[in-house]
């Protein structure tokens, strides 16, 4: 989290994400909002050392396209 100084106005969100790292339980956190506001940047900064696989969904993609995209990205990661 060395770039934490770049994150402005997200104290509440940062606290929630950091608390999930301390939890011994499985956690599901939905991060949503309009485009281009830093959601992905925030997640990548907080979980930088924990992310092993990452995929972004296709904008307005059909389920079959989403699954194909997921499969393709997973194969790239595993190879």
PDB file of N, CA and C in Angstrom:
ATOM      1  N   UNK A   1       0.823  -1.187   0.000  1.00  0.00           N
ATOM      2  CA  UNK A   1       0.000   0.000   0.000  1.00  0.00           C
ATOM      3  C   UNK A   1       0.872   1.258   0.000  1.00  0.00           C
ATOM      4  N   UNK A   2       1.968   1.213  -0.711  1.00  0.00           N
ATOM      5  CA  UNK A   2       2.873   2.325  -0.758  1.00  0.00           C
ATOM      6  C   UNK A   2       2.306   3.549  -1.447  1.00  0.00           C
ATOM      7  N   UNK A   3       1.341   3.354  -2.340  1.00  0.00           N
ATOM      8  CA  UNK A   3       0.749   4.473  -3.062  1.00  0.00           C
ATOM      9  C   UNK A   3      -0.505   5.001  -2.383  1.00  0.00           C
ATOM     10  N   UNK A   4      -0.704   4.649  -1.118  1.00  0.00           N
ATOM     11  CA  UNK A   4      -1.926   5.033  -0.422  1.00  0.00           C
ATOM     12  C   UNK A   4      -2.137   6.543  -0.440  1.00  0.00           C
ATOM     13  N   UNK A   5      -1.070   7.335  -0.556  1.00  0.00           N
ATOM     14  CA  UNK A   5      -1.227   8.783  -0.577  1.00  0.00           C
ATOM     15  C   UNK A   5      -1.959   9.247  -1.819  1.00  0.00           C
ATOM     16  N   UNK A   6      -2.028   8.425  -2.859  1.00  0.00           N
ATOM     17  CA  UNK A   6      -2.738   8.788  -4.079  1.00  0.00           C
ATOM     18  C   UNK A   6      -4.252   8.640  -3.929  1.00  0.00           C
ATOM     19  N   UNK A   7      -4.688   7.910  -2.928  1.00  0.00           N
ATOM     20  CA  UNK A   7      -6.116   7.682  -2.733  1.00  0.00           C
ATOM     21  C   UNK A   7      -6.657   8.805  -1.855  1.00  0.00           C
ATOM     22  N   UNK A   8      -7.581   9.565  -2.411  1.00  0.00           N
ATOM     23  CA  UNK A   8      -8.138  10.714  -1.716  1.00  0.00           C
ATOM     24  C   UNK A   8      -9.631  10.497  -1.491  1.00  0.00           C
ATOM     25  N   UNK A   9     -10.108  10.774  -0.292  1.00  0.00           N
ATOM     26  CA  UNK A   9     -11.540  10.740  -0.016  1.00  0.00           C
ATOM     27  C   UNK A   9     -12.147   9.360   0.075  1.00  0.00           C
ATOM     28  N   UNK A  10     -11.361   8.366   0.404  1.00  0.00           N
ATOM     29  CA  UNK A  10     -11.857   6.985   0.463  1.00  0.00           C
ATOM     30  C   UNK A  10     -11.592   6.345   1.815  1.00  0.00           C
ATOM     31  N   UNK A  11     -11.522   7.134   2.870  1.00  0.00           N
ATOM     32  CA  UNK A  11     -11.165   6.609   4.184  1.00  0.00           C
ATOM     33  C   UNK A  11     -12.091   5.477   4.620  1.00  0.00           C
ATOM     34  N   UNK A  12     -13.397   5.658   4.483  1.00  0.00           N
ATOM     35  CA  UNK A  12     -14.367   4.639   4.884  1.00  0.00           C
ATOM     36  C   UNK A  12     -14.155   3.352   4.095  1.00  0.00           C
ATOM     37  N   UNK A  13     -14.000   3.475   2.786  1.00  0.00           N
ATOM     38  CA  UNK A  13     -13.812   2.302   1.936  1.00  0.00           C
ATOM     39  C   UNK A  13     -12.500   1.585   2.267  1.00  0.00           C
ATOM     40  N   UNK A  14     -11.452   2.352   2.498  1.00  0.00           N
ATOM     41  CA  UNK A  14     -10.156   1.762   2.841  1.00  0.00           C
ATOM     42  C   UNK A  14     -10.263   0.975   4.141  1.00  0.00           C
ATOM     43  N   UNK A  15     -10.954   1.537   5.123  1.00  0.00           N
ATOM     44  CA  UNK A  15     -11.116   0.841   6.409  1.00  0.00           C
ATOM     45  C   UNK A  15     -11.844  -0.488   6.239  1.00  0.00           C
ATOM     46  N   UNK A  16     -12.907  -0.496   5.443  1.00  0.00           N
ATOM     47  CA  UNK A  16     -13.661  -1.735   5.213  1.00  0.00           C
ATOM     48  C   UNK A  16     -12.771  -2.785   4.545  1.00  0.00           C
ATOM     49  N   UNK A  17     -12.048  -2.384   3.522  1.00  0.00           N
ATOM     50  CA  UNK A  17     -11.200  -3.324   2.792  1.00  0.00           C
ATOM     51  C   UNK A  17     -10.060  -3.841   3.667  1.00  0.00           C
ATOM     52  N   UNK A  18      -9.467  -2.978   4.452  1.00  0.00           N
ATOM     53  CA  UNK A  18      -8.382  -3.409   5.330  1.00  0.00           C
ATOM     54  C   UNK A  18      -8.897  -4.333   6.430  1.00  0.00           C
ATOM     55  N   UNK A  19     -10.084  -4.081   6.945  1.00  0.00           N
ATOM     56  CA  UNK A  19     -10.667  -4.963   7.962  1.00  0.00           C
ATOM     57  C   UNK A  19     -10.888  -6.363   7.402  1.00  0.00           C
ATOM     58  N   UNK A  20     -11.263  -6.464   6.136  1.00  0.00           N
ATOM     59  CA  UNK A  20     -11.487  -7.784   5.538  1.00  0.00           C
ATOM     60  C   UNK A  20     -10.196  -8.601   5.510  1.00  0.00           C
ATOM     61  N   UNK A  21      -9.065  -7.928   5.405  1.00  0.00           N
ATOM     62  CA  UNK A  21      -7.781  -8.634   5.409  1.00  0.00           C
ATOM     63  C   UNK A  21      -7.489  -9.260   6.764  1.00  0.00           C
ATOM     64  N   UNK A  22      -8.013  -8.678   7.813  1.00  0.00           N
ATOM     65  CA  UNK A  22      -7.777  -9.178   9.170  1.00  0.00           C
ATOM     66  C   UNK A  22      -8.736 -10.295   9.554  1.00  0.00           C
ATOM     67  N   UNK A  23      -9.806 -10.444   8.820  1.00  0.00           N
ATOM     68  CA  UNK A  23     -10.844 -11.410   9.146  1.00  0.00           C
ATOM     69  C   UNK A  23     -10.382 -12.838   8.870  1.00  0.00           C
ATOM     70  N   UNK A  24     -10.793 -13.753   9.731  1.00  0.00           N
ATOM     71  CA  UNK A  24     -10.494 -15.167   9.493  1.00  0.00           C
ATOM     72  C   UNK A  24     -11.625 -15.841   8.711  1.00  0.00           C
ATOM     73  N   UNK A  25     -12.661 -15.081   8.413  1.00  0.00           N
ATOM     74  CA  UNK A  25     -13.805 -15.591   7.648  1.00  0.00           C
ATOM     75  C   UNK A  25     -13.672 -15.210   6.179  1.00  0.00           C
ATOM     76  N   UNK A  26     -14.386 -15.942   5.330  1.00  0.00           N
ATOM     77  CA  UNK A  26     -14.478 -15.544   3.932  1.00  0.00           C
ATOM     78  C   UNK A  26     -15.257 -14.234   3.871  1.00  0.00           C
ATOM     79  N   UNK A  27     -14.877 -13.380   2.946  1.00  0.00           N
ATOM     80  CA  UNK A  27     -15.513 -12.072   2.828  1.00  0.00           C
ATOM     81  C   UNK A  27     -15.938 -11.853   1.382  1.00  0.00           C
ATOM     82  N   UNK A  28     -17.093 -11.246   1.206  1.00  0.00           N
ATOM     83  CA  UNK A  28     -17.536 -10.792  -0.110  1.00  0.00           C
ATOM     84  C   UNK A  28     -17.827  -9.315   0.026  1.00  0.00           C
ATOM     85  N   UNK A  29     -17.144  -8.525  -0.760  1.00  0.00           N
ATOM     86  CA  UNK A  29     -17.344  -7.084  -0.734  1.00  0.00           C
ATOM     87  C   UNK A  29     -17.664  -6.653  -2.153  1.00  0.00           C
ATOM     88  N   UNK A  30     -18.837  -6.090  -2.352  1.00  0.00           N
ATOM     89  CA  UNK A  30     -19.229  -5.572  -3.662  1.00  0.00           C
ATOM     90  C   UNK A  30     -18.781  -4.123  -3.752  1.00  0.00           C
ATOM     91  N   UNK A  31     -17.993  -3.820  -4.745  1.00  0.00           N
ATOM     92  CA  UNK A  31     -17.538  -2.450  -4.977  1.00  0.00           C
ATOM     93  C   UNK A  31     -18.213  -1.991  -6.263  1.00  0.00           C
ATOM     94  N   UNK A  32     -19.024  -0.973  -6.140  1.00  0.00           N
ATOM     95  CA  UNK A  32     -19.755  -0.507  -7.319  1.00  0.00           C
ATOM     96  C   UNK A  32     -19.769   1.009  -7.349  1.00  0.00           C
ATOM     97  N   UNK A  33     -20.072   1.528  -8.498  1.00  0.00           N
ATOM     98  CA  UNK A  33     -20.132   2.971  -8.686  1.00  0.00           C
ATOM     99  C   UNK A  33     -19.987   3.285 -10.159  1.00  0.00           C
ATOM    100  N   UNK A  34     -20.092   4.544 -10.459  1.00  0.00           N
ATOM    101  CA  UNK A  34     -19.993   4.918 -11.873  1.00  0.00           C
ATOM    102  C   UNK A  34     -18.569   4.694 -12.377  1.00  0.00           C
ATOM    103  N   UNK A  35     -18.429   4.716 -13.668  1.00  0.00           N
ATOM    104  CA  UNK A  35     -17.144   4.425 -14.305  1.00  0.00           C
ATOM    105  C   UNK A  35     -16.127   5.518 -14.018  1.00  0.00           C
ATOM    106  N   UNK A  36     -14.865   5.097 -13.985  1.00  0.00           N
ATOM    107  CA  UNK A  36     -13.727   6.018 -13.934  1.00  0.00           C
ATOM    108  C   UNK A  36     -13.605   6.805 -12.626  1.00  0.00           C
ATOM    109  N   UNK A  37     -13.996   6.189 -11.506  1.00  0.00           N
ATOM    110  CA  UNK A  37     -13.874   6.870 -10.215  1.00  0.00           C
ATOM    111  C   UNK A  37     -12.819   6.227  -9.307  1.00  0.00           C
ATOM    112  N   UNK A  38     -12.109   5.214  -9.796  1.00  0.00           N
ATOM    113  CA  UNK A  38     -11.007   4.644  -9.042  1.00  0.00           C
ATOM    114  C   UNK A  38     -11.303   3.367  -8.276  1.00  0.00           C
ATOM    115  N   UNK A  39     -12.371   2.663  -8.618  1.00  0.00           N
ATOM    116  CA  UNK A  39     -12.713   1.421  -7.907  1.00  0.00           C
ATOM    117  C   UNK A  39     -11.611   0.376  -8.071  1.00  0.00           C
ATOM    118  N   UNK A  40     -11.191   0.134  -9.278  1.00  0.00           N
ATOM    119  CA  UNK A  40     -10.165  -0.865  -9.542  1.00  0.00           C
ATOM    120  C   UNK A  40      -8.842  -0.453  -8.910  1.00  0.00           C
ATOM    121  N   UNK A  41      -8.484   0.810  -9.015  1.00  0.00           N
ATOM    122  CA  UNK A  41      -7.257   1.306  -8.403  1.00  0.00           C
ATOM    123  C   UNK A  41      -7.274   1.064  -6.899  1.00  0.00           C
ATOM    124  N   UNK A  42      -8.396   1.359  -6.263  1.00  0.00           N
ATOM    125  CA  UNK A  42      -8.534   1.164  -4.816  1.00  0.00           C
ATOM    126  C   UNK A  42      -8.321  -0.300  -4.446  1.00  0.00           C
ATOM    127  N   UNK A  43      -8.982  -1.201  -5.142  1.00  0.00           N
ATOM    128  CA  UNK A  43      -8.858  -2.633  -4.868  1.00  0.00           C
ATOM    129  C   UNK A  43      -7.414  -3.094  -5.063  1.00  0.00           C
ATOM    130  N   UNK A  44      -6.806  -2.674  -6.158  1.00  0.00           N
ATOM    131  CA  UNK A  44      -5.429  -3.090  -6.439  1.00  0.00           C
ATOM    132  C   UNK A  44      -4.453  -2.569  -5.389  1.00  0.00           C
ATOM    133  N   UNK A  45      -4.670  -1.382  -4.888  1.00  0.00           N
ATOM    134  CA  UNK A  45      -3.786  -0.821  -3.869  1.00  0.00           C
ATOM    135  C   UNK A  45      -3.930  -1.563  -2.540  1.00  0.00           C
ATOM    136  N   UNK A  46      -5.143  -1.809  -2.117  1.00  0.00           N
ATOM    137  CA  UNK A  46      -5.377  -2.434  -0.814  1.00  0.00           C
ATOM    138  C   UNK A  46      -4.950  -3.902  -0.832  1.00  0.00           C
ATOM    139  N   UNK A  47      -5.277  -4.612  -1.900  1.00  0.00           N
ATOM    140  CA  UNK A  47      -5.035  -6.053  -1.972  1.00  0.00           C
ATOM    141  C   UNK A  47      -3.832  -6.424  -2.841  1.00  0.00           C
ATOM    142  N   UNK A  48      -2.911  -5.509  -3.042  1.00  0.00           N
ATOM    143  CA  UNK A  48      -1.790  -5.720  -3.966  1.00  0.00           C
ATOM    144  C   UNK A  48      -1.044  -7.019  -3.714  1.00  0.00           C
ATOM    145  N   UNK A  49      -0.808  -7.362  -2.469  1.00  0.00           N
ATOM    146  CA  UNK A  49      -0.039  -8.573  -2.154  1.00  0.00           C
ATOM    147  C   UNK A  49      -0.895  -9.832  -2.104  1.00  0.00           C
ATOM    148  N   UNK A  50      -2.209  -9.706  -2.182  1.00  0.00           N
ATOM    149  CA  UNK A  50      -3.093 -10.860  -2.090  1.00  0.00           C
ATOM    150  C   UNK A  50      -3.678 -11.287  -3.427  1.00  0.00           C
ATOM    151  N   UNK A  51      -3.660 -10.430  -4.417  1.00  0.00           N
ATOM    152  CA  UNK A  51      -4.286 -10.751  -5.702  1.00  0.00           C
ATOM    153  C   UNK A  51      -3.437 -11.779  -6.439  1.00  0.00           C
ATOM    154  N   UNK A  52      -4.042 -12.905  -6.748  1.00  0.00           N
ATOM    155  CA  UNK A  52      -3.374 -13.964  -7.511  1.00  0.00           C
ATOM    156  C   UNK A  52      -3.973 -14.097  -8.908  1.00  0.00           C
ATOM    157  N   UNK A  53      -5.216 -13.671  -9.049  1.00  0.00           N
ATOM    158  CA  UNK A  53      -5.922 -13.752 -10.329  1.00  0.00           C
ATOM    159  C   UNK A  53      -6.881 -12.586 -10.398  1.00  0.00           C
ATOM    160  N   UNK A  54      -6.927 -11.933 -11.539  1.00  0.00           N
ATOM    161  CA  UNK A  54      -7.811 -10.784 -11.711  1.00  0.00           C
ATOM    162  C   UNK A  54      -8.401 -10.818 -13.110  1.00  0.00           C
ATOM    163  N   UNK A  55      -9.685 -10.561 -13.188  1.00  0.00           N
ATOM    164  CA  UNK A  55     -10.341 -10.462 -14.490  1.00  0.00           C
ATOM    165  C   UNK A  55     -11.423  -9.390 -14.396  1.00  0.00           C
ATOM    166  N   UNK A  56     -11.567  -8.645 -15.461  1.00  0.00           N
ATOM    167  CA  UNK A  56     -12.598  -7.613 -15.529  1.00  0.00           C
ATOM    168  C   UNK A  56     -13.659  -8.079 -16.508  1.00  0.00           C
ATOM    169  N   UNK A  57     -14.910  -7.923 -16.116  1.00  0.00           N
ATOM    170  CA  UNK A  57     -16.016  -8.327 -16.978  1.00  0.00           C
ATOM    171  C   UNK A  57     -16.110  -7.465 -18.218  1.00  0.00           C
ATOM    172  N   UNK A  58     -16.800  -7.974 -19.202  1.00  0.00           N
ATOM    173  CA  UNK A  58     -17.016  -7.256 -20.450  1.00  0.00           C
ATOM    174  C   UNK A  58     -18.233  -6.343 -20.311  1.00  0.00           C
ATOM    175  N   UNK A  59     -18.095  -5.118 -20.693  1.00  0.00           N
ATOM    176  CA  UNK A  59     -19.196  -4.159 -20.613  1.00  0.00           C
ATOM    177  C   UNK A  59     -20.359  -4.634 -21.486  1.00  0.00           C
ATOM    178  N   UNK A  60     -21.476  -4.848 -20.879  1.00  0.00           N
ATOM    179  CA  UNK A  60     -22.713  -5.313 -21.523  1.00  0.00           C
ATOM    180  C   UNK A  60     -22.521  -6.614 -22.295  1.00  0.00           C
ATOM    181  N   UNK A  61     -21.608  -7.452 -21.832  1.00  0.00           N
ATOM    182  CA  UNK A  61     -21.374  -8.730 -22.502  1.00  0.00           C
ATOM    183  C   UNK A  61     -22.405  -9.768 -22.110  1.00  0.00           C
ATOM    184  N   UNK A  62     -22.689 -10.646 -23.022  1.00  0.00           N
ATOM    185  CA  UNK A  62     -23.593 -11.760 -22.753  1.00  0.00           C
ATOM    186  C   UNK A  62     -22.909 -12.742 -21.804  1.00  0.00           C
ATOM    187  N   UNK A  63     -23.684 -13.551 -21.117  1.00  0.00           N
ATOM    188  CA  UNK A  63     -23.142 -14.519 -20.170  1.00  0.00           C
ATOM    189  C   UNK A  63     -22.102 -15.417 -20.833  1.00  0.00           C
ATOM    190  N   UNK A  64     -22.404 -15.914 -22.025  1.00  0.00           N
ATOM    191  CA  UNK A  64     -21.457 -16.807 -22.706  1.00  0.00           C
ATOM    192  C   UNK A  64     -20.137 -16.087 -22.997  1.00  0.00           C
ATOM    193  N   UNK A  65     -20.195 -14.808 -23.364  1.00  0.00           N
ATOM    194  CA  UNK A  65     -18.982 -14.034 -23.621  1.00  0.00           C
ATOM    195  C   UNK A  65     -18.207 -13.785 -22.325  1.00  0.00           C
ATOM    196  N   UNK A  66     -18.936 -13.514 -21.235  1.00  0.00           N
ATOM    197  CA  UNK A  66     -18.295 -13.290 -19.939  1.00  0.00           C
ATOM    198  C   UNK A  66     -17.544 -14.553 -19.501  1.00  0.00           C
ATOM    199  N   UNK A  67     -18.205 -15.699 -19.650  1.00  0.00           N
ATOM    200  CA  UNK A  67     -17.583 -16.965 -19.259  1.00  0.00           C
ATOM    201  C   UNK A  67     -16.375 -17.294 -20.132  1.00  0.00           C
ATOM    202  N   UNK A  68     -16.479 -17.037 -21.428  1.00  0.00           N
ATOM    203  CA  UNK A  68     -15.350 -17.279 -22.329  1.00  0.00           C
ATOM    204  C   UNK A  68     -14.175 -16.370 -21.964  1.00  0.00           C
ATOM    205  N   UNK A  69     -14.456 -15.120 -21.661  1.00  0.00           N
ATOM    206  CA  UNK A  69     -13.418 -14.176 -21.255  1.00  0.00           C
ATOM    207  C   UNK A  69     -12.762 -14.634 -19.956  1.00  0.00           C
ATOM    208  N   UNK A  70     -13.563 -15.054 -18.979  1.00  0.00           N
ATOM    209  CA  UNK A  70     -13.047 -15.545 -17.704  1.00  0.00           C
ATOM    210  C   UNK A  70     -12.134 -16.746 -17.924  1.00  0.00           C
ATOM    211  N   UNK A  71     -12.589 -17.693 -18.730  1.00  0.00           N
ATOM    212  CA  UNK A  71     -11.825 -18.909 -19.008  1.00  0.00           C
ATOM    213  C   UNK A  71     -10.499 -18.571 -19.681  1.00  0.00           C
ATOM    214  N   UNK A  72     -10.533 -17.675 -20.657  1.00  0.00           N
ATOM    215  CA  UNK A  72      -9.315 -17.272 -21.367  1.00  0.00           C
ATOM    216  C   UNK A  72      -8.303 -16.652 -20.409  1.00  0.00           C
ATOM    217  N   UNK A  73      -8.768 -15.751 -19.545  1.00  0.00           N
ATOM    218  CA  UNK A  73      -7.862 -15.089 -18.602  1.00  0.00           C
ATOM    219  C   UNK A  73      -7.320 -16.063 -17.548  1.00  0.00           C
ATOM    220  N   UNK A  74      -8.149 -17.003 -17.119  1.00  0.00           N
ATOM    221  CA  UNK A  74      -7.698 -17.994 -16.150  1.00  0.00           C
ATOM    222  C   UNK A  74      -6.624 -18.890 -16.762  1.00  0.00           C
ATOM    223  N   UNK A  75      -6.830 -19.296 -18.013  1.00  0.00           N
ATOM    224  CA  UNK A  75      -5.826 -20.128 -18.693  1.00  0.00           C
ATOM    225  C   UNK A  75      -4.509 -19.381 -18.824  1.00  0.00           C
ATOM    226  N   UNK A  76      -4.561 -18.082 -19.132  1.00  0.00           N
ATOM    227  CA  UNK A  76      -3.335 -17.297 -19.251  1.00  0.00           C
ATOM    228  C   UNK A  76      -2.599 -17.253 -17.912  1.00  0.00           C
ATOM    229  N   UNK A  77      -3.345 -17.146 -16.837  1.00  0.00           N
ATOM    230  CA  UNK A  77      -2.743 -17.076 -15.501  1.00  0.00           C
ATOM    231  C   UNK A  77      -2.106 -18.394 -15.118  1.00  0.00           C
ATOM    232  N   UNK A  78      -2.748 -19.504 -15.462  1.00  0.00           N
ATOM    233  CA  UNK A  78      -2.266 -20.827 -15.063  1.00  0.00           C
ATOM    234  C   UNK A  78      -1.092 -21.305 -15.906  1.00  0.00           C
ATOM    235  N   UNK A  79      -0.926 -20.751 -17.097  1.00  0.00           N
ATOM    236  CA  UNK A  79       0.188 -21.187 -17.962  1.00  0.00           C
ATOM    237  C   UNK A  79       1.461 -20.504 -17.623  1.00  0.00           C
TER     238      UNK A  79
END
